[in-house]
Amino acid sequence: MIKPRSVNHTAFRIADPEKTRKFYEGVLGLKVLTFRPNFPQGGFWFGAGENQIHVIQSKPGDVIRDGEPDPVGPHIALEIEDFDEALRTLRENGVHVVMPEDAGIKVTAGRQMWVHDPDGNTIELRADK
C-alpha cells in the first residue's frame, strides 16, 4: 500500500525564467530556493511554506513524452513513506512507472518515480530514501 505523507511540490512549464522569477518572487513574495542550471530545461524552485513550486523552462516545439509520464512537465509530487513498497504496489496494479534513468534524469536528492493517473496527469512519487 502507498502511504502518502504530504504534497512535496507542484510543477509548471514556463517560457521565460526571469519573467517568471520576477512574478513568483517579486509579486507573490515566494523565496527562491534553488536555480537549476544543471537541469536541462532550466528553471527555479520556490518555497511555499512547507511545500515548493517548481517552474521548468520549455520552449515552443519541445517534445512532450508521448504516452509517458513527463518528469519535467506539469505534475504534482507526493512525498511517500516507503518507496519500495509504493513501487511494488504500482507494479502489482499494472501501473506503468517511469524511473529517473528511463527519462535520462540524474536524481540528486532522494528517490523519484513518475506515473499517470487515469486521465493522463503526471504524478511524481518521491521519498528521501
N, C-alpha and C. Protein backbone atom coordinates (compact mmCIF):
# COMPACT_ATOMS: atom_id res chain seq x y z
N MET A 1 0.84 -1.18 0.00
CA MET A 1 0.00 0.00 0.00
C MET A 1 0.89 1.24 0.00
N ILE A 2 0.49 2.25 -0.76
CA ILE A 2 1.22 3.51 -0.80
C ILE A 2 0.73 4.38 0.35
N LYS A 3 1.69 4.96 1.08
CA LYS A 3 1.35 5.80 2.22
C LYS A 3 1.86 7.22 1.98
N PRO A 4 1.00 8.10 1.43
CA PRO A 4 1.43 9.48 1.21
C PRO A 4 1.59 10.22 2.53
N ARG A 5 2.62 11.06 2.60
CA ARG A 5 2.86 11.87 3.81
C ARG A 5 2.46 13.31 3.59
N SER A 6 2.72 13.85 2.38
CA SER A 6 2.42 15.24 2.11
C SER A 6 2.59 15.52 0.62
N VAL A 7 2.13 16.69 0.22
CA VAL A 7 2.45 17.18 -1.11
C VAL A 7 3.84 17.80 -1.01
N ASN A 8 4.75 17.37 -1.85
CA ASN A 8 6.11 17.88 -1.82
C ASN A 8 6.22 19.13 -2.69
N HIS A 9 5.72 19.05 -3.93
CA HIS A 9 5.75 20.21 -4.82
C HIS A 9 4.76 20.05 -5.96
N THR A 10 4.49 21.16 -6.62
CA THR A 10 3.78 21.15 -7.89
C THR A 10 4.74 21.75 -8.91
N ALA A 11 4.55 21.41 -10.18
CA ALA A 11 5.46 21.90 -11.22
C ALA A 11 4.68 22.40 -12.42
N PHE A 12 5.19 23.48 -13.00
CA PHE A 12 4.59 24.09 -14.17
C PHE A 12 5.65 24.31 -15.23
N ARG A 13 5.24 24.26 -16.50
CA ARG A 13 6.12 24.64 -17.61
C ARG A 13 6.07 26.16 -17.76
N ILE A 14 7.21 26.75 -18.06
CA ILE A 14 7.30 28.19 -18.26
C ILE A 14 8.10 28.49 -19.52
N ALA A 15 7.95 29.70 -20.05
CA ALA A 15 8.69 30.10 -21.25
C ALA A 15 9.89 30.98 -20.91
N ASP A 16 9.75 31.87 -19.94
CA ASP A 16 10.78 32.86 -19.64
C ASP A 16 11.13 32.82 -18.16
N PRO A 17 12.26 32.20 -17.79
CA PRO A 17 12.60 32.06 -16.38
C PRO A 17 12.70 33.38 -15.62
N GLU A 18 13.30 34.40 -16.21
CA GLU A 18 13.46 35.66 -15.48
C GLU A 18 12.12 36.36 -15.26
N LYS A 19 11.27 36.36 -16.27
CA LYS A 19 9.93 36.95 -16.12
C LYS A 19 9.14 36.19 -15.05
N THR A 20 9.27 34.87 -15.06
CA THR A 20 8.58 34.03 -14.08
C THR A 20 9.13 34.29 -12.68
N ARG A 21 10.46 34.41 -12.57
CA ARG A 21 11.07 34.69 -11.26
C ARG A 21 10.55 36.01 -10.70
N LYS A 22 10.50 37.03 -11.53
CA LYS A 22 10.01 38.34 -11.07
C LYS A 22 8.58 38.24 -10.55
N PHE A 23 7.76 37.43 -11.20
CA PHE A 23 6.37 37.27 -10.75
C PHE A 23 6.30 36.52 -9.42
N TYR A 24 6.89 35.32 -9.38
CA TYR A 24 6.78 34.48 -8.17
C TYR A 24 7.51 35.10 -6.98
N GLU A 25 8.68 35.69 -7.23
CA GLU A 25 9.45 36.27 -6.14
C GLU A 25 8.98 37.70 -5.83
N GLY A 26 8.88 38.52 -6.86
CA GLY A 26 8.57 39.93 -6.66
C GLY A 26 7.11 40.23 -6.39
N VAL A 27 6.21 39.51 -7.05
CA VAL A 27 4.77 39.78 -6.89
C VAL A 27 4.16 38.88 -5.81
N LEU A 28 4.40 37.57 -5.90
CA LEU A 28 3.80 36.64 -4.94
C LEU A 28 4.59 36.54 -3.63
N GLY A 29 5.83 37.03 -3.63
CA GLY A 29 6.62 37.03 -2.41
C GLY A 29 7.23 35.70 -2.02
N LEU A 30 7.35 34.77 -2.96
CA LEU A 30 7.95 33.47 -2.65
C LEU A 30 9.47 33.57 -2.70
N LYS A 31 10.14 32.78 -1.89
CA LYS A 31 11.59 32.77 -1.83
C LYS A 31 12.15 31.76 -2.83
N VAL A 32 13.16 32.19 -3.60
CA VAL A 32 13.84 31.26 -4.49
C VAL A 32 14.69 30.33 -3.65
N LEU A 33 14.44 29.04 -3.79
CA LEU A 33 15.22 28.04 -3.06
C LEU A 33 16.43 27.60 -3.86
N THR A 34 16.21 27.36 -5.14
CA THR A 34 17.26 26.81 -5.99
C THR A 34 17.03 27.23 -7.43
N PHE A 35 18.09 27.55 -8.12
CA PHE A 35 18.04 27.70 -9.57
C PHE A 35 18.68 26.45 -10.12
N ARG A 36 18.09 25.86 -11.12
CA ARG A 36 18.56 24.56 -11.62
C ARG A 36 19.32 24.69 -12.94
N PRO A 37 20.52 25.30 -12.94
CA PRO A 37 21.26 25.38 -14.20
C PRO A 37 21.69 24.02 -14.71
N ASN A 38 21.81 23.02 -13.81
CA ASN A 38 22.20 21.68 -14.25
C ASN A 38 21.01 20.88 -14.73
N PHE A 39 19.80 21.41 -14.53
CA PHE A 39 18.59 20.77 -15.04
C PHE A 39 18.51 21.15 -16.50
N PRO A 40 18.37 20.20 -17.42
CA PRO A 40 18.47 20.51 -18.85
C PRO A 40 17.57 21.66 -19.29
N GLN A 41 16.40 21.80 -18.70
CA GLN A 41 15.47 22.81 -19.14
C GLN A 41 15.68 24.17 -18.46
N GLY A 42 16.32 24.21 -17.29
CA GLY A 42 16.44 25.44 -16.53
C GLY A 42 15.15 25.73 -15.78
N GLY A 43 15.22 26.61 -14.81
CA GLY A 43 14.04 26.97 -14.05
C GLY A 43 14.39 27.26 -12.60
N PHE A 44 13.37 27.41 -11.78
CA PHE A 44 13.54 27.76 -10.38
C PHE A 44 12.68 26.88 -9.50
N TRP A 45 13.13 26.70 -8.26
CA TRP A 45 12.33 26.08 -7.21
C TRP A 45 12.02 27.21 -6.23
N PHE A 46 10.73 27.38 -5.88
CA PHE A 46 10.30 28.41 -4.93
C PHE A 46 9.73 27.74 -3.69
N GLY A 47 9.98 28.34 -2.52
CA GLY A 47 9.40 27.85 -1.28
C GLY A 47 8.01 28.42 -1.07
N ALA A 48 7.08 27.55 -0.67
CA ALA A 48 5.71 27.96 -0.34
C ALA A 48 5.34 27.26 0.95
N GLY A 49 5.74 27.83 2.08
CA GLY A 49 5.54 27.17 3.36
C GLY A 49 6.39 25.91 3.41
N GLU A 50 5.76 24.79 3.73
CA GLU A 50 6.47 23.51 3.77
C GLU A 50 6.57 22.87 2.39
N ASN A 51 5.94 23.46 1.40
CA ASN A 51 5.90 22.90 0.05
C ASN A 51 6.71 23.75 -0.91
N GLN A 52 6.78 23.29 -2.15
CA GLN A 52 7.52 24.01 -3.17
C GLN A 52 6.71 24.11 -4.45
N ILE A 53 7.06 25.12 -5.24
CA ILE A 53 6.55 25.26 -6.61
C ILE A 53 7.79 25.22 -7.50
N HIS A 54 7.81 24.29 -8.45
CA HIS A 54 8.91 24.18 -9.40
C HIS A 54 8.42 24.74 -10.74
N VAL A 55 9.20 25.64 -11.31
CA VAL A 55 8.88 26.15 -12.64
C VAL A 55 10.01 25.71 -13.56
N ILE A 56 9.64 25.02 -14.64
CA ILE A 56 10.61 24.36 -15.51
C ILE A 56 10.48 24.94 -16.92
N GLN A 57 11.57 25.46 -17.42
CA GLN A 57 11.54 26.11 -18.72
C GLN A 57 11.27 25.12 -19.85
N SER A 58 10.42 25.54 -20.77
CA SER A 58 10.21 24.79 -22.01
C SER A 58 10.18 25.80 -23.14
N LYS A 59 10.47 25.32 -24.32
CA LYS A 59 10.49 26.17 -25.50
C LYS A 59 9.42 25.70 -26.47
N PRO A 60 8.90 26.61 -27.29
CA PRO A 60 7.93 26.16 -28.30
C PRO A 60 8.52 25.01 -29.10
N GLY A 61 7.74 23.98 -29.29
CA GLY A 61 8.19 22.81 -30.05
C GLY A 61 8.86 21.75 -29.21
N ASP A 62 9.05 22.01 -27.89
CA ASP A 62 9.61 20.95 -27.03
C ASP A 62 8.73 19.71 -27.14
N VAL A 63 9.38 18.57 -27.21
CA VAL A 63 8.65 17.32 -27.33
C VAL A 63 8.15 16.89 -25.96
N ILE A 64 6.86 16.66 -25.87
CA ILE A 64 6.28 16.10 -24.67
C ILE A 64 6.42 14.58 -24.81
N ARG A 65 6.76 13.93 -23.74
CA ARG A 65 6.93 12.47 -23.77
C ARG A 65 5.60 11.83 -24.11
N ASP A 66 5.45 11.41 -25.34
CA ASP A 66 4.20 10.86 -25.84
C ASP A 66 3.81 9.59 -25.10
N GLY A 67 2.70 9.65 -24.38
CA GLY A 67 2.18 8.48 -23.69
C GLY A 67 2.90 8.11 -22.41
N GLU A 68 3.94 8.83 -22.06
CA GLU A 68 4.74 8.54 -20.87
C GLU A 68 4.52 9.63 -19.83
N PRO A 69 4.58 9.30 -18.55
CA PRO A 69 4.61 10.36 -17.54
C PRO A 69 5.82 11.27 -17.81
N ASP A 70 5.63 12.57 -17.77
CA ASP A 70 6.67 13.53 -18.13
C ASP A 70 7.26 14.18 -16.88
N PRO A 71 8.44 13.76 -16.44
CA PRO A 71 9.03 14.30 -15.22
C PRO A 71 9.27 15.80 -15.23
N VAL A 72 9.46 16.40 -16.41
CA VAL A 72 9.74 17.83 -16.47
C VAL A 72 8.53 18.64 -16.91
N GLY A 73 7.40 17.99 -17.11
CA GLY A 73 6.17 18.69 -17.45
C GLY A 73 5.34 18.99 -16.21
N PRO A 74 4.16 19.53 -16.39
CA PRO A 74 3.30 19.82 -15.23
C PRO A 74 2.99 18.54 -14.45
N HIS A 75 3.14 18.62 -13.13
CA HIS A 75 2.87 17.46 -12.29
C HIS A 75 2.73 17.89 -10.84
N ILE A 76 2.26 16.98 -10.03
CA ILE A 76 2.24 17.15 -8.59
C ILE A 76 3.11 16.05 -8.01
N ALA A 77 3.87 16.37 -6.98
CA ALA A 77 4.75 15.38 -6.36
C ALA A 77 4.28 15.09 -4.94
N LEU A 78 4.13 13.81 -4.65
CA LEU A 78 3.73 13.37 -3.31
C LEU A 78 4.93 12.76 -2.60
N GLU A 79 5.14 13.19 -1.37
CA GLU A 79 6.14 12.58 -0.51
C GLU A 79 5.52 11.31 0.05
N ILE A 80 6.23 10.18 -0.05
CA ILE A 80 5.68 8.90 0.42
C ILE A 80 6.60 8.30 1.47
N GLU A 81 6.04 7.40 2.27
CA GLU A 81 6.81 6.79 3.37
C GLU A 81 7.78 5.72 2.89
N ASP A 82 7.33 4.82 2.03
CA ASP A 82 8.13 3.65 1.66
C ASP A 82 8.19 3.53 0.14
N PHE A 83 9.30 3.94 -0.43
CA PHE A 83 9.46 3.95 -1.88
C PHE A 83 9.31 2.56 -2.49
N ASP A 84 10.01 1.59 -1.91
CA ASP A 84 9.99 0.24 -2.47
C ASP A 84 8.59 -0.38 -2.41
N GLU A 85 7.89 -0.15 -1.31
CA GLU A 85 6.51 -0.66 -1.18
C GLU A 85 5.59 0.01 -2.19
N ALA A 86 5.77 1.31 -2.41
CA ALA A 86 4.96 2.03 -3.39
C ALA A 86 5.21 1.49 -4.79
N LEU A 87 6.47 1.27 -5.13
CA LEU A 87 6.83 0.72 -6.44
C LEU A 87 6.20 -0.66 -6.63
N ARG A 88 6.29 -1.50 -5.61
CA ARG A 88 5.69 -2.84 -5.68
C ARG A 88 4.18 -2.73 -5.89
N THR A 89 3.52 -1.86 -5.13
CA THR A 89 2.07 -1.70 -5.25
C THR A 89 1.67 -1.23 -6.64
N LEU A 90 2.40 -0.26 -7.17
CA LEU A 90 2.09 0.25 -8.52
C LEU A 90 2.22 -0.87 -9.55
N ARG A 91 3.31 -1.60 -9.49
CA ARG A 91 3.54 -2.67 -10.47
C ARG A 91 2.51 -3.79 -10.32
N GLU A 92 2.14 -4.13 -9.08
CA GLU A 92 1.11 -5.15 -8.86
C GLU A 92 -0.23 -4.73 -9.47
N ASN A 93 -0.46 -3.43 -9.53
CA ASN A 93 -1.71 -2.91 -10.07
C ASN A 93 -1.61 -2.54 -11.55
N GLY A 94 -0.52 -2.94 -12.18
CA GLY A 94 -0.36 -2.74 -13.62
C GLY A 94 -0.13 -1.30 -14.03
N VAL A 95 0.36 -0.47 -13.11
CA VAL A 95 0.61 0.93 -13.41
C VAL A 95 2.00 1.06 -14.02
N HIS A 96 2.07 1.73 -15.17
CA HIS A 96 3.35 1.97 -15.83
C HIS A 96 4.13 3.01 -15.03
N VAL A 97 5.36 2.68 -14.66
CA VAL A 97 6.21 3.55 -13.84
C VAL A 97 7.41 3.99 -14.67
N VAL A 98 7.71 5.29 -14.62
CA VAL A 98 8.93 5.81 -15.23
C VAL A 98 9.91 6.14 -14.11
N MET A 99 11.08 5.53 -14.19
CA MET A 99 12.14 5.77 -13.22
C MET A 99 13.08 6.85 -13.80
N PRO A 100 13.86 7.52 -12.97
CA PRO A 100 14.73 8.58 -13.47
C PRO A 100 15.62 8.15 -14.64
N GLU A 101 16.20 6.96 -14.52
CA GLU A 101 17.09 6.50 -15.60
C GLU A 101 16.34 6.31 -16.92
N ASP A 102 15.04 5.99 -16.85
CA ASP A 102 14.22 5.86 -18.06
C ASP A 102 14.05 7.19 -18.76
N ALA A 103 14.07 8.29 -17.98
CA ALA A 103 13.83 9.63 -18.51
C ALA A 103 15.12 10.42 -18.69
N GLY A 104 16.26 9.79 -18.43
CA GLY A 104 17.54 10.48 -18.57
C GLY A 104 17.76 11.55 -17.52
N ILE A 105 17.22 11.33 -16.33
CA ILE A 105 17.34 12.30 -15.24
C ILE A 105 18.27 11.75 -14.17
N LYS A 106 19.19 12.60 -13.72
CA LYS A 106 20.07 12.24 -12.61
C LYS A 106 19.46 12.80 -11.34
N VAL A 107 19.07 11.93 -10.44
CA VAL A 107 18.45 12.34 -9.17
C VAL A 107 19.56 12.66 -8.19
N THR A 108 19.47 13.84 -7.57
CA THR A 108 20.49 14.25 -6.61
C THR A 108 19.98 14.26 -5.17
N ALA A 109 18.68 14.06 -5.00
CA ALA A 109 18.12 14.06 -3.64
C ALA A 109 16.99 13.05 -3.57
N GLY A 110 17.16 12.04 -2.75
CA GLY A 110 16.10 11.05 -2.54
C GLY A 110 15.89 10.15 -3.74
N ARG A 111 14.70 9.56 -3.79
CA ARG A 111 14.32 8.64 -4.87
C ARG A 111 13.02 9.14 -5.49
N GLN A 112 12.89 9.01 -6.80
CA GLN A 112 11.72 9.51 -7.51
C GLN A 112 11.25 8.52 -8.55
N MET A 113 9.94 8.56 -8.80
CA MET A 113 9.34 7.83 -9.92
C MET A 113 8.10 8.60 -10.35
N TRP A 114 7.65 8.35 -11.58
CA TRP A 114 6.52 9.07 -12.13
C TRP A 114 5.51 8.10 -12.72
N VAL A 115 4.24 8.43 -12.56
CA VAL A 115 3.13 7.62 -13.10
C VAL A 115 2.08 8.56 -13.67
N HIS A 116 1.16 8.00 -14.43
CA HIS A 116 -0.02 8.73 -14.88
C HIS A 116 -1.21 8.35 -14.02
N ASP A 117 -2.10 9.33 -13.77
CA ASP A 117 -3.40 8.98 -13.21
C ASP A 117 -4.29 8.53 -14.37
N PRO A 118 -5.52 8.12 -14.12
CA PRO A 118 -6.37 7.61 -15.22
C PRO A 118 -6.65 8.62 -16.33
N ASP A 119 -6.47 9.93 -16.05
CA ASP A 119 -6.70 10.94 -17.07
C ASP A 119 -5.43 11.43 -17.74
N GLY A 120 -4.31 10.78 -17.42
CA GLY A 120 -3.05 11.13 -18.07
C GLY A 120 -2.25 12.22 -17.38
N ASN A 121 -2.66 12.65 -16.18
CA ASN A 121 -1.89 13.63 -15.43
C ASN A 121 -0.69 12.95 -14.78
N THR A 122 0.45 13.62 -14.79
CA THR A 122 1.66 13.05 -14.22
C THR A 122 1.71 13.26 -12.72
N ILE A 123 2.00 12.18 -12.00
CA ILE A 123 2.17 12.21 -10.55
C ILE A 123 3.59 11.72 -10.25
N GLU A 124 4.34 12.52 -9.50
CA GLU A 124 5.66 12.09 -9.04
C GLU A 124 5.50 11.56 -7.62
N LEU A 125 6.10 10.42 -7.37
CA LEU A 125 6.14 9.86 -6.02
C LEU A 125 7.60 9.90 -5.60
N ARG A 126 7.87 10.47 -4.42
CA ARG A 126 9.26 10.62 -4.00
C ARG A 126 9.42 10.33 -2.52
N ALA A 127 10.63 9.90 -2.18
CA ALA A 127 10.99 9.64 -0.78
C ALA A 127 12.45 10.01 -0.58
N ASP A 128 12.81 10.34 0.64
CA ASP A 128 14.20 10.69 0.92
C ASP A 128 15.14 9.51 0.75
N LYS A 129 14.61 8.27 1.00
CA LYS A 129 15.47 7.08 0.83
C LYS A 129 14.67 5.91 0.35
